[in-house]
Amino acid sequence: MRKPNDITMKEAIEKLLNVYRLKGRYDETSVVAFWPELMGKAVANRTTQIYVSQKKLFVRLESSVVKNELLMVRAGIIQKINEKAGTEVITEIVFL
């Protein structure tokens, strides 16, 4: 039986991240982690480096063809990433 002041594990982790001001960094790390799932195997295999800095996602690709394709759908990718994260984590994508 739950006591009145009991909280779930999810709530406890969210509270911990907020108290230590790690929520933003956690969200940025999760974007990097689910990039292959979000973009698919073809794009993930051609991605050599990915990192987030100041709400900008930097993606280094080894294929110029894939880079040009992703440049055309940049806004859609940003929207997908933020929907998956549940908050606005990324405002801009830079393809290197």
PDB file of N, CA and C in Angstrom:
ATOM      1  N   MET A   1       0.843  -1.176   0.000  1.00  0.00           N
ATOM      2  CA  MET A   1       0.000   0.000   0.000  1.00  0.00           C
ATOM      3  C   MET A   1       0.887   1.238   0.000  1.00  0.00           C
ATOM      4  N   ARG A   2       0.525   2.190  -0.817  1.00  0.00           N
ATOM      5  CA  ARG A   2       1.316   3.411  -0.930  1.00  0.00           C
ATOM      6  C   ARG A   2       0.981   4.375   0.191  1.00  0.00           C
ATOM      7  N   LYS A   3       2.004   5.014   0.651  1.00  0.00           N
ATOM      8  CA  LYS A   3       1.829   6.058   1.651  1.00  0.00           C
ATOM      9  C   LYS A   3       1.613   7.383   0.936  1.00  0.00           C
ATOM     10  N   PRO A   4       1.046   8.383   1.598  1.00  0.00           N
ATOM     11  CA  PRO A   4       0.733   9.660   0.934  1.00  0.00           C
ATOM     12  C   PRO A   4       1.946  10.384   0.347  1.00  0.00           C
ATOM     13  N   ASN A   5       3.123  10.210   0.907  1.00  0.00           N
ATOM     14  CA  ASN A   5       4.292  10.932   0.406  1.00  0.00           C
ATOM     15  C   ASN A   5       5.181  10.081  -0.498  1.00  0.00           C
ATOM     16  N   ASP A   6       4.727   8.901  -0.902  1.00  0.00           N
ATOM     17  CA  ASP A   6       5.475   8.055  -1.822  1.00  0.00           C
ATOM     18  C   ASP A   6       5.370   8.610  -3.235  1.00  0.00           C
ATOM     19  N   ILE A   7       6.468   8.504  -3.986  1.00  0.00           N
ATOM     20  CA  ILE A   7       6.453   8.912  -5.385  1.00  0.00           C
ATOM     21  C   ILE A   7       7.026   7.770  -6.220  1.00  0.00           C
ATOM     22  N   THR A   8       6.698   7.775  -7.492  1.00  0.00           N
ATOM     23  CA  THR A   8       7.194   6.722  -8.366  1.00  0.00           C
ATOM     24  C   THR A   8       8.672   6.961  -8.677  1.00  0.00           C
ATOM     25  N   MET A   9       9.297   5.938  -9.208  1.00  0.00           N
ATOM     26  CA  MET A   9      10.717   6.032  -9.566  1.00  0.00           C
ATOM     27  C   MET A   9      10.919   7.095 -10.652  1.00  0.00           C
ATOM     28  N   LYS A  10      10.010   7.153 -11.611  1.00  0.00           N
ATOM     29  CA  LYS A  10      10.110   8.144 -12.684  1.00  0.00           C
ATOM     30  C   LYS A  10      10.059   9.558 -12.115  1.00  0.00           C
ATOM     31  N   GLU A  11       9.126   9.806 -11.212  1.00  0.00           N
ATOM     32  CA  GLU A  11       9.005  11.131 -10.598  1.00  0.00           C
ATOM     33  C   GLU A  11      10.251  11.471  -9.792  1.00  0.00           C
ATOM     34  N   ALA A  12      10.808  10.469  -9.112  1.00  0.00           N
ATOM     35  CA  ALA A  12      12.004  10.691  -8.299  1.00  0.00           C
ATOM     36  C   ALA A  12      13.202  11.066  -9.173  1.00  0.00           C
ATOM     37  N   ILE A  13      13.342  10.375 -10.303  1.00  0.00           N
ATOM     38  CA  ILE A  13      14.463  10.677 -11.203  1.00  0.00           C
ATOM     39  C   ILE A  13      14.302  12.061 -11.819  1.00  0.00           C
ATOM     40  N   GLU A  14      13.079  12.414 -12.236  1.00  0.00           N
ATOM     41  CA  GLU A  14      12.841  13.746 -12.791  1.00  0.00           C
ATOM     42  C   GLU A  14      13.128  14.830 -11.759  1.00  0.00           C
ATOM     43  N   LYS A  15      12.721  14.585 -10.524  1.00  0.00           N
ATOM     44  CA  LYS A  15      12.974  15.545  -9.447  1.00  0.00           C
ATOM     45  C   LYS A  15      14.480  15.701  -9.205  1.00  0.00           C
ATOM     46  N   LEU A  16      15.201  14.589  -9.220  1.00  0.00           N
ATOM     47  CA  LEU A  16      16.653  14.603  -9.035  1.00  0.00           C
ATOM     48  C   LEU A  16      17.334  15.396 -10.142  1.00  0.00           C
ATOM     49  N   LEU A  17      16.930  15.156 -11.400  1.00  0.00           N
ATOM     50  CA  LEU A  17      17.524  15.877 -12.528  1.00  0.00           C
ATOM     51  C   LEU A  17      17.249  17.372 -12.441  1.00  0.00           C
ATOM     52  N   ASN A  18      16.055  17.733 -12.008  1.00  0.00           N
ATOM     53  CA  ASN A  18      15.714  19.154 -11.881  1.00  0.00           C
ATOM     54  C   ASN A  18      16.468  19.813 -10.736  1.00  0.00           C
ATOM     55  N   VAL A  19      16.595  19.129  -9.612  1.00  0.00           N
ATOM     56  CA  VAL A  19      17.291  19.698  -8.452  1.00  0.00           C
ATOM     57  C   VAL A  19      18.758  19.952  -8.771  1.00  0.00           C
ATOM     58  N   TYR A  20      19.393  19.008  -9.451  1.00  0.00           N
ATOM     59  CA  TYR A  20      20.816  19.157  -9.775  1.00  0.00           C
ATOM     60  C   TYR A  20      21.050  19.856 -11.116  1.00  0.00           C
ATOM     61  N   ARG A  21      19.974  20.376 -11.707  1.00  0.00           N
ATOM     62  CA  ARG A  21      20.032  21.106 -12.978  1.00  0.00           C
ATOM     63  C   ARG A  21      20.700  20.297 -14.091  1.00  0.00           C
ATOM     64  N   LEU A  22      20.326  19.025 -14.177  1.00  0.00           N
ATOM     65  CA  LEU A  22      20.881  18.137 -15.183  1.00  0.00           C
ATOM     66  C   LEU A  22      19.863  17.762 -16.259  1.00  0.00           C
ATOM     67  N   LYS A  23      18.660  18.258 -16.151  1.00  0.00           N
ATOM     68  CA  LYS A  23      17.585  17.881 -17.066  1.00  0.00           C
ATOM     69  C   LYS A  23      17.937  18.229 -18.513  1.00  0.00           C
ATOM     70  N   GLY A  24      18.458  19.416 -18.754  1.00  0.00           N
ATOM     71  CA  GLY A  24      18.821  19.821 -20.109  1.00  0.00           C
ATOM     72  C   GLY A  24      19.908  18.938 -20.698  1.00  0.00           C
ATOM     73  N   ARG A  25      20.918  18.665 -19.907  1.00  0.00           N
ATOM     74  CA  ARG A  25      22.021  17.828 -20.376  1.00  0.00           C
ATOM     75  C   ARG A  25      21.556  16.398 -20.632  1.00  0.00           C
ATOM     76  N   TYR A  26      20.656  15.905 -19.779  1.00  0.00           N
ATOM     77  CA  TYR A  26      20.095  14.570 -19.955  1.00  0.00           C
ATOM     78  C   TYR A  26      19.313  14.496 -21.268  1.00  0.00           C
ATOM     79  N   ASP A  27      18.518  15.512 -21.546  1.00  0.00           N
ATOM     80  CA  ASP A  27      17.746  15.547 -22.788  1.00  0.00           C
ATOM     81  C   ASP A  27      18.666  15.593 -24.007  1.00  0.00           C
ATOM     82  N   GLU A  28      19.743  16.363 -23.927  1.00  0.00           N
ATOM     83  CA  GLU A  28      20.702  16.436 -25.037  1.00  0.00           C
ATOM     84  C   GLU A  28      21.350  15.077 -25.285  1.00  0.00           C
ATOM     85  N   THR A  29      21.701  14.385 -24.215  1.00  0.00           N
ATOM     86  CA  THR A  29      22.312  13.070 -24.343  1.00  0.00           C
ATOM     87  C   THR A  29      21.338  12.070 -24.939  1.00  0.00           C
ATOM     88  N   SER A  30      20.071  12.198 -24.584  1.00  0.00           N
ATOM     89  CA  SER A  30      19.073  11.275 -25.135  1.00  0.00           C
ATOM     90  C   SER A  30      18.882  11.495 -26.636  1.00  0.00           C
ATOM     91  N   VAL A  31      19.031  12.729 -27.103  1.00  0.00           N
ATOM     92  CA  VAL A  31      18.938  13.009 -28.546  1.00  0.00           C
ATOM     93  C   VAL A  31      20.028  12.249 -29.286  1.00  0.00           C
ATOM     94  N   VAL A  32      21.227  12.281 -28.772  1.00  0.00           N
ATOM     95  CA  VAL A  32      22.341  11.567 -29.393  1.00  0.00           C
ATOM     96  C   VAL A  32      22.069  10.064 -29.371  1.00  0.00           C
ATOM     97  N   ALA A  33      21.497   9.572 -28.282  1.00  0.00           N
ATOM     98  CA  ALA A  33      21.240   8.140 -28.143  1.00  0.00           C
ATOM     99  C   ALA A  33      20.167   7.646 -29.108  1.00  0.00           C
ATOM    100  N   PHE A  34      19.114   8.420 -29.344  1.00  0.00           N
ATOM    101  CA  PHE A  34      18.062   7.921 -30.233  1.00  0.00           C
ATOM    102  C   PHE A  34      18.166   8.420 -31.673  1.00  0.00           C
ATOM    103  N   TRP A  35      19.287   9.022 -32.051  1.00  0.00           N
ATOM    104  CA  TRP A  35      19.508   9.439 -33.441  1.00  0.00           C
ATOM    105  C   TRP A  35      19.374   8.271 -34.423  1.00  0.00           C
ATOM    106  N   PRO A  36      20.029   7.128 -34.190  1.00  0.00           N
ATOM    107  CA  PRO A  36      19.886   6.011 -35.142  1.00  0.00           C
ATOM    108  C   PRO A  36      18.437   5.517 -35.249  1.00  0.00           C
ATOM    109  N   GLU A  37      17.743   5.451 -34.141  1.00  0.00           N
ATOM    110  CA  GLU A  37      16.350   5.003 -34.145  1.00  0.00           C
ATOM    111  C   GLU A  37      15.462   5.990 -34.909  1.00  0.00           C
ATOM    112  N   LEU A  38      15.720   7.251 -34.732  1.00  0.00           N
ATOM    113  CA  LEU A  38      14.904   8.293 -35.338  1.00  0.00           C
ATOM    114  C   LEU A  38      15.156   8.427 -36.838  1.00  0.00           C
ATOM    115  N   MET A  39      16.408   8.347 -37.250  1.00  0.00           N
ATOM    116  CA  MET A  39      16.757   8.617 -38.642  1.00  0.00           C
ATOM    117  C   MET A  39      16.852   7.361 -39.509  1.00  0.00           C
ATOM    118  N   GLY A  40      16.950   6.219 -38.900  1.00  0.00           N
ATOM    119  CA  GLY A  40      17.040   4.983 -39.666  1.00  0.00           C
ATOM    120  C   GLY A  40      18.472   4.510 -39.832  1.00  0.00           C
ATOM    121  N   LYS A  41      18.578   3.271 -40.263  1.00  0.00           N
ATOM    122  CA  LYS A  41      19.881   2.619 -40.367  1.00  0.00           C
ATOM    123  C   LYS A  41      20.786   3.255 -41.432  1.00  0.00           C
ATOM    124  N   ALA A  42      20.200   3.658 -42.566  1.00  0.00           N
ATOM    125  CA  ALA A  42      21.006   4.214 -43.661  1.00  0.00           C
ATOM    126  C   ALA A  42      21.712   5.496 -43.235  1.00  0.00           C
ATOM    127  N   VAL A  43      20.997   6.394 -42.593  1.00  0.00           N
ATOM    128  CA  VAL A  43      21.594   7.664 -42.152  1.00  0.00           C
ATOM    129  C   VAL A  43      22.534   7.417 -40.976  1.00  0.00           C
ATOM    130  N   ALA A  44      22.134   6.549 -40.061  1.00  0.00           N
ATOM    131  CA  ALA A  44      22.964   6.268 -38.881  1.00  0.00           C
ATOM    132  C   ALA A  44      24.313   5.680 -39.274  1.00  0.00           C
ATOM    133  N   ASN A  45      24.337   4.834 -40.304  1.00  0.00           N
ATOM    134  CA  ASN A  45      25.597   4.239 -40.750  1.00  0.00           C
ATOM    135  C   ASN A  45      26.527   5.265 -41.393  1.00  0.00           C
ATOM    136  N   ARG A  46      25.975   6.343 -41.914  1.00  0.00           N
ATOM    137  CA  ARG A  46      26.794   7.385 -42.549  1.00  0.00           C
ATOM    138  C   ARG A  46      27.098   8.553 -41.616  1.00  0.00           C
ATOM    139  N   THR A  47      26.613   8.470 -40.382  1.00  0.00           N
ATOM    140  CA  THR A  47      26.895   9.503 -39.388  1.00  0.00           C
ATOM    141  C   THR A  47      28.176   9.125 -38.660  1.00  0.00           C
ATOM    142  N   THR A  48      29.163  10.005 -38.684  1.00  0.00           N
ATOM    143  CA  THR A  48      30.434   9.705 -38.034  1.00  0.00           C
ATOM    144  C   THR A  48      30.552  10.361 -36.659  1.00  0.00           C
ATOM    145  N   GLN A  49      29.900  11.499 -36.478  1.00  0.00           N
ATOM    146  CA  GLN A  49      29.974  12.205 -35.193  1.00  0.00           C
ATOM    147  C   GLN A  49      28.687  12.985 -34.989  1.00  0.00           C
ATOM    148  N   ILE A  50      28.208  12.999 -33.735  1.00  0.00           N
ATOM    149  CA  ILE A  50      26.998  13.745 -33.410  1.00  0.00           C
ATOM    150  C   ILE A  50      27.124  14.263 -31.988  1.00  0.00           C
ATOM    151  N   TYR A  51      26.839  15.548 -31.797  1.00  0.00           N
ATOM    152  CA  TYR A  51      26.869  16.129 -30.455  1.00  0.00           C
ATOM    153  C   TYR A  51      25.970  17.358 -30.404  1.00  0.00           C
ATOM    154  N   VAL A  52      25.628  17.769 -29.196  1.00  0.00           N
ATOM    155  CA  VAL A  52      24.739  18.908 -28.980  1.00  0.00           C
ATOM    156  C   VAL A  52      25.495  19.969 -28.194  1.00  0.00           C
ATOM    157  N   SER A  53      25.361  21.216 -28.632  1.00  0.00           N
ATOM    158  CA  SER A  53      25.968  22.336 -27.933  1.00  0.00           C
ATOM    159  C   SER A  53      25.047  23.536 -28.056  1.00  0.00           C
ATOM    160  N   GLN A  54      24.591  24.055 -26.938  1.00  0.00           N
ATOM    161  CA  GLN A  54      23.738  25.239 -26.871  1.00  0.00           C
ATOM    162  C   GLN A  54      22.505  25.114 -27.765  1.00  0.00           C
ATOM    163  N   LYS A  55      21.801  24.018 -27.617  1.00  0.00           N
ATOM    164  CA  LYS A  55      20.564  23.706 -28.352  1.00  0.00           C
ATOM    165  C   LYS A  55      20.765  23.556 -29.856  1.00  0.00           C
ATOM    166  N   LYS A  56      22.006  23.386 -30.288  1.00  0.00           N
ATOM    167  CA  LYS A  56      22.302  23.120 -31.690  1.00  0.00           C
ATOM    168  C   LYS A  56      22.812  21.693 -31.797  1.00  0.00           C
ATOM    169  N   LEU A  57      22.262  20.958 -32.745  1.00  0.00           N
ATOM    170  CA  LEU A  57      22.695  19.587 -32.997  1.00  0.00           C
ATOM    171  C   LEU A  57      23.700  19.614 -34.140  1.00  0.00           C
ATOM    172  N   PHE A  58      24.895  19.130 -33.887  1.00  0.00           N
ATOM    173  CA  PHE A  58      25.946  19.064 -34.898  1.00  0.00           C
ATOM    174  C   PHE A  58      26.089  17.617 -35.346  1.00  0.00           C
ATOM    175  N   VAL A  59      25.946  17.394 -36.646  1.00  0.00           N
ATOM    176  CA  VAL A  59      26.008  16.044 -37.202  1.00  0.00           C
ATOM    177  C   VAL A  59      27.039  16.017 -38.312  1.00  0.00           C
ATOM    178  N   ARG A  60      28.040  15.167 -38.166  1.00  0.00           N
ATOM    179  CA  ARG A  60      29.059  15.011 -39.210  1.00  0.00           C
ATOM    180  C   ARG A  60      28.700  13.758 -40.013  1.00  0.00           C
ATOM    181  N   LEU A  61      28.559  13.958 -41.317  1.00  0.00           N
ATOM    182  CA  LEU A  61      28.189  12.863 -42.211  1.00  0.00           C
ATOM    183  C   LEU A  61      29.315  12.593 -43.194  1.00  0.00           C
ATOM    184  N   GLU A  62      29.450  11.333 -43.590  1.00  0.00           N
ATOM    185  CA  GLU A  62      30.505  10.995 -44.535  1.00  0.00           C
ATOM    186  C   GLU A  62      30.016  11.018 -45.983  1.00  0.00           C
ATOM    187  N   SER A  63      28.725  11.198 -46.192  1.00  0.00           N
ATOM    188  CA  SER A  63      28.155  11.211 -47.529  1.00  0.00           C
ATOM    189  C   SER A  63      27.537  12.578 -47.836  1.00  0.00           C
ATOM    190  N   SER A  64      28.002  13.208 -48.876  1.00  0.00           N
ATOM    191  CA  SER A  64      27.467  14.519 -49.250  1.00  0.00           C
ATOM    192  C   SER A  64      26.042  14.401 -49.787  1.00  0.00           C
ATOM    193  N   VAL A  65      25.710  13.269 -50.371  1.00  0.00           N
ATOM    194  CA  VAL A  65      24.360  13.056 -50.886  1.00  0.00           C
ATOM    195  C   VAL A  65      23.361  13.020 -49.730  1.00  0.00           C
ATOM    196  N   VAL A  66      23.687  12.276 -48.686  1.00  0.00           N
ATOM    197  CA  VAL A  66      22.820  12.192 -47.505  1.00  0.00           C
ATOM    198  C   VAL A  66      22.734  13.558 -46.835  1.00  0.00           C
ATOM    199  N   LYS A  67      23.848  14.262 -46.788  1.00  0.00           N
ATOM    200  CA  LYS A  67      23.870  15.600 -46.188  1.00  0.00           C
ATOM    201  C   LYS A  67      22.902  16.535 -46.906  1.00  0.00           C
ATOM    202  N   ASN A  68      22.903  16.527 -48.225  1.00  0.00           N
ATOM    203  CA  ASN A  68      22.003  17.379 -49.000  1.00  0.00           C
ATOM    204  C   ASN A  68      20.541  16.991 -48.785  1.00  0.00           C
ATOM    205  N   GLU A  69      20.265  15.706 -48.706  1.00  0.00           N
ATOM    206  CA  GLU A  69      18.898  15.241 -48.452  1.00  0.00           C
ATOM    207  C   GLU A  69      18.413  15.720 -47.081  1.00  0.00           C
ATOM    208  N   LEU A  70      19.273  15.614 -46.080  1.00  0.00           N
ATOM    209  CA  LEU A  70      18.894  16.016 -44.729  1.00  0.00           C
ATOM    210  C   LEU A  70      18.751  17.535 -44.609  1.00  0.00           C
ATOM    211  N   LEU A  71      19.532  18.278 -45.373  1.00  0.00           N
ATOM    212  CA  LEU A  71      19.401  19.738 -45.368  1.00  0.00           C
ATOM    213  C   LEU A  71      18.009  20.179 -45.815  1.00  0.00           C
ATOM    214  N   MET A  72      17.423  19.438 -46.744  1.00  0.00           N
ATOM    215  CA  MET A  72      16.106  19.798 -47.261  1.00  0.00           C
ATOM    216  C   MET A  72      14.985  19.517 -46.258  1.00  0.00           C
ATOM    217  N   VAL A  73      15.197  18.576 -45.356  1.00  0.00           N
ATOM    218  CA  VAL A  73      14.143  18.215 -44.385  1.00  0.00           C
ATOM    219  C   VAL A  73      14.552  18.572 -42.954  1.00  0.00           C
ATOM    220  N   ARG A  74      15.399  19.570 -42.829  1.00  0.00           N
ATOM    221  CA  ARG A  74      15.937  19.981 -41.529  1.00  0.00           C
ATOM    222  C   ARG A  74      14.840  20.321 -40.516  1.00  0.00           C
ATOM    223  N   ALA A  75      13.834  21.086 -40.915  1.00  0.00           N
ATOM    224  CA  ALA A  75      12.763  21.494 -40.000  1.00  0.00           C
ATOM    225  C   ALA A  75      11.980  20.285 -39.497  1.00  0.00           C
ATOM    226  N   GLY A  76      11.738  19.330 -40.365  1.00  0.00           N
ATOM    227  CA  GLY A  76      11.031  18.115 -39.971  1.00  0.00           C
ATOM    228  C   GLY A  76      11.819  17.289 -38.974  1.00  0.00           C
ATOM    229  N   ILE A  77      13.128  17.241 -39.156  1.00  0.00           N
ATOM    230  CA  ILE A  77      13.990  16.492 -38.233  1.00  0.00           C
ATOM    231  C   ILE A  77      13.969  17.148 -36.860  1.00  0.00           C
ATOM    232  N   ILE A  78      14.049  18.470 -36.815  1.00  0.00           N
ATOM    233  CA  ILE A  78      14.014  19.191 -35.539  1.00  0.00           C
ATOM    234  C   ILE A  78      12.696  18.906 -34.824  1.00  0.00           C
ATOM    235  N   GLN A  79      11.609  18.932 -35.571  1.00  0.00           N
ATOM    236  CA  GLN A  79      10.294  18.676 -34.986  1.00  0.00           C
ATOM    237  C   GLN A  79      10.206  17.255 -34.437  1.00  0.00           C
ATOM    238  N   LYS A  80      10.698  16.273 -35.187  1.00  0.00           N
ATOM    239  CA  LYS A  80      10.689  14.882 -34.727  1.00  0.00           C
ATOM    240  C   LYS A  80      11.501  14.708 -33.443  1.00  0.00           C
ATOM    241  N   ILE A  81      12.673  15.316 -33.414  1.00  0.00           N
ATOM    242  CA  ILE A  81      13.550  15.206 -32.245  1.00  0.00           C
ATOM    243  C   ILE A  81      12.872  15.790 -31.010  1.00  0.00           C
ATOM    244  N   ASN A  82      12.295  16.978 -31.155  1.00  0.00           N
ATOM    245  CA  ASN A  82      11.652  17.626 -30.010  1.00  0.00           C
ATOM    246  C   ASN A  82      10.393  16.881 -29.561  1.00  0.00           C
ATOM    247  N   GLU A  83       9.656  16.281 -30.499  1.00  0.00           N
ATOM    248  CA  GLU A  83       8.498  15.474 -30.129  1.00  0.00           C
ATOM    249  C   GLU A  83       8.936  14.251 -29.337  1.00  0.00           C
ATOM    250  N   LYS A  84       9.997  13.608 -29.792  1.00  0.00           N
ATOM    251  CA  LYS A  84      10.507  12.407 -29.115  1.00  0.00           C
ATOM    252  C   LYS A  84      11.014  12.750 -27.719  1.00  0.00           C
ATOM    253  N   ALA A  85      11.665  13.897 -27.578  1.00  0.00           N
ATOM    254  CA  ALA A  85      12.202  14.309 -26.278  1.00  0.00           C
ATOM    255  C   ALA A  85      11.112  14.832 -25.351  1.00  0.00           C
ATOM    256  N   GLY A  86      10.026  15.329 -25.911  1.00  0.00           N
ATOM    257  CA  GLY A  86       8.949  15.854 -25.088  1.00  0.00           C
ATOM    258  C   GLY A  86       9.123  17.306 -24.688  1.00  0.00           C
ATOM    259  N   THR A  87      10.179  17.916 -25.122  1.00  0.00           N
ATOM    260  CA  THR A  87      10.447  19.324 -24.844  1.00  0.00           C
ATOM    261  C   THR A  87      11.336  19.873 -25.951  1.00  0.00           C
ATOM    262  N   GLU A  88      11.511  21.185 -26.010  1.00  0.00           N
ATOM    263  CA  GLU A  88      12.363  21.767 -27.051  1.00  0.00           C
ATOM    264  C   GLU A  88      13.830  21.630 -26.640  1.00  0.00           C
ATOM    265  N   VAL A  89      14.464  20.621 -27.210  1.00  0.00           N
ATOM    266  CA  VAL A  89      15.876  20.354 -26.906  1.00  0.00           C
ATOM    267  C   VAL A  89      16.757  20.949 -27.997  1.00  0.00           C
ATOM    268  N   ILE A  90      16.295  20.892 -29.238  1.00  0.00           N
ATOM    269  CA  ILE A  90      17.071  21.328 -30.384  1.00  0.00           C
ATOM    270  C   ILE A  90      16.350  22.467 -31.102  1.00  0.00           C
ATOM    271  N   THR A  91      17.073  23.538 -31.403  1.00  0.00           N
ATOM    272  CA  THR A  91      16.498  24.643 -32.172  1.00  0.00           C
ATOM    273  C   THR A  91      17.102  24.738 -33.563  1.00  0.00           C
ATOM    274  N   GLU A  92      18.272  24.132 -33.761  1.00  0.00           N
ATOM    275  CA  GLU A  92      18.961  24.223 -35.048  1.00  0.00           C
ATOM    276  C   GLU A  92      19.815  22.992 -35.262  1.00  0.00           C
ATOM    277  N   ILE A  93      19.958  22.576 -36.518  1.00  0.00           N
ATOM    278  CA  ILE A  93      20.835  21.457 -36.869  1.00  0.00           C
ATOM    279  C   ILE A  93      21.900  21.975 -37.814  1.00  0.00           C
ATOM    280  N   VAL A  94      23.143  21.578 -37.546  1.00  0.00           N
ATOM    281  CA  VAL A  94      24.267  21.946 -38.407  1.00  0.00           C
ATOM    282  C   VAL A  94      24.866  20.644 -38.927  1.00  0.00           C
ATOM    283  N   PHE A  95      24.868  20.483 -40.244  1.00  0.00           N
ATOM    284  CA  PHE A  95      25.462  19.302 -40.861  1.00  0.00           C
ATOM    285  C   PHE A  95      26.893  19.623 -41.279  1.00  0.00           C
ATOM    286  N   LEU A  96      27.815  18.826 -40.819  1.00  0.00           N
ATOM    287  CA  LEU A  96      29.238  19.056 -41.085  1.00  0.00           C
ATOM    288  C   LEU A  96      29.749  18.067 -42.112  1.00  0.00           C
TER     289      LEU A  96
END
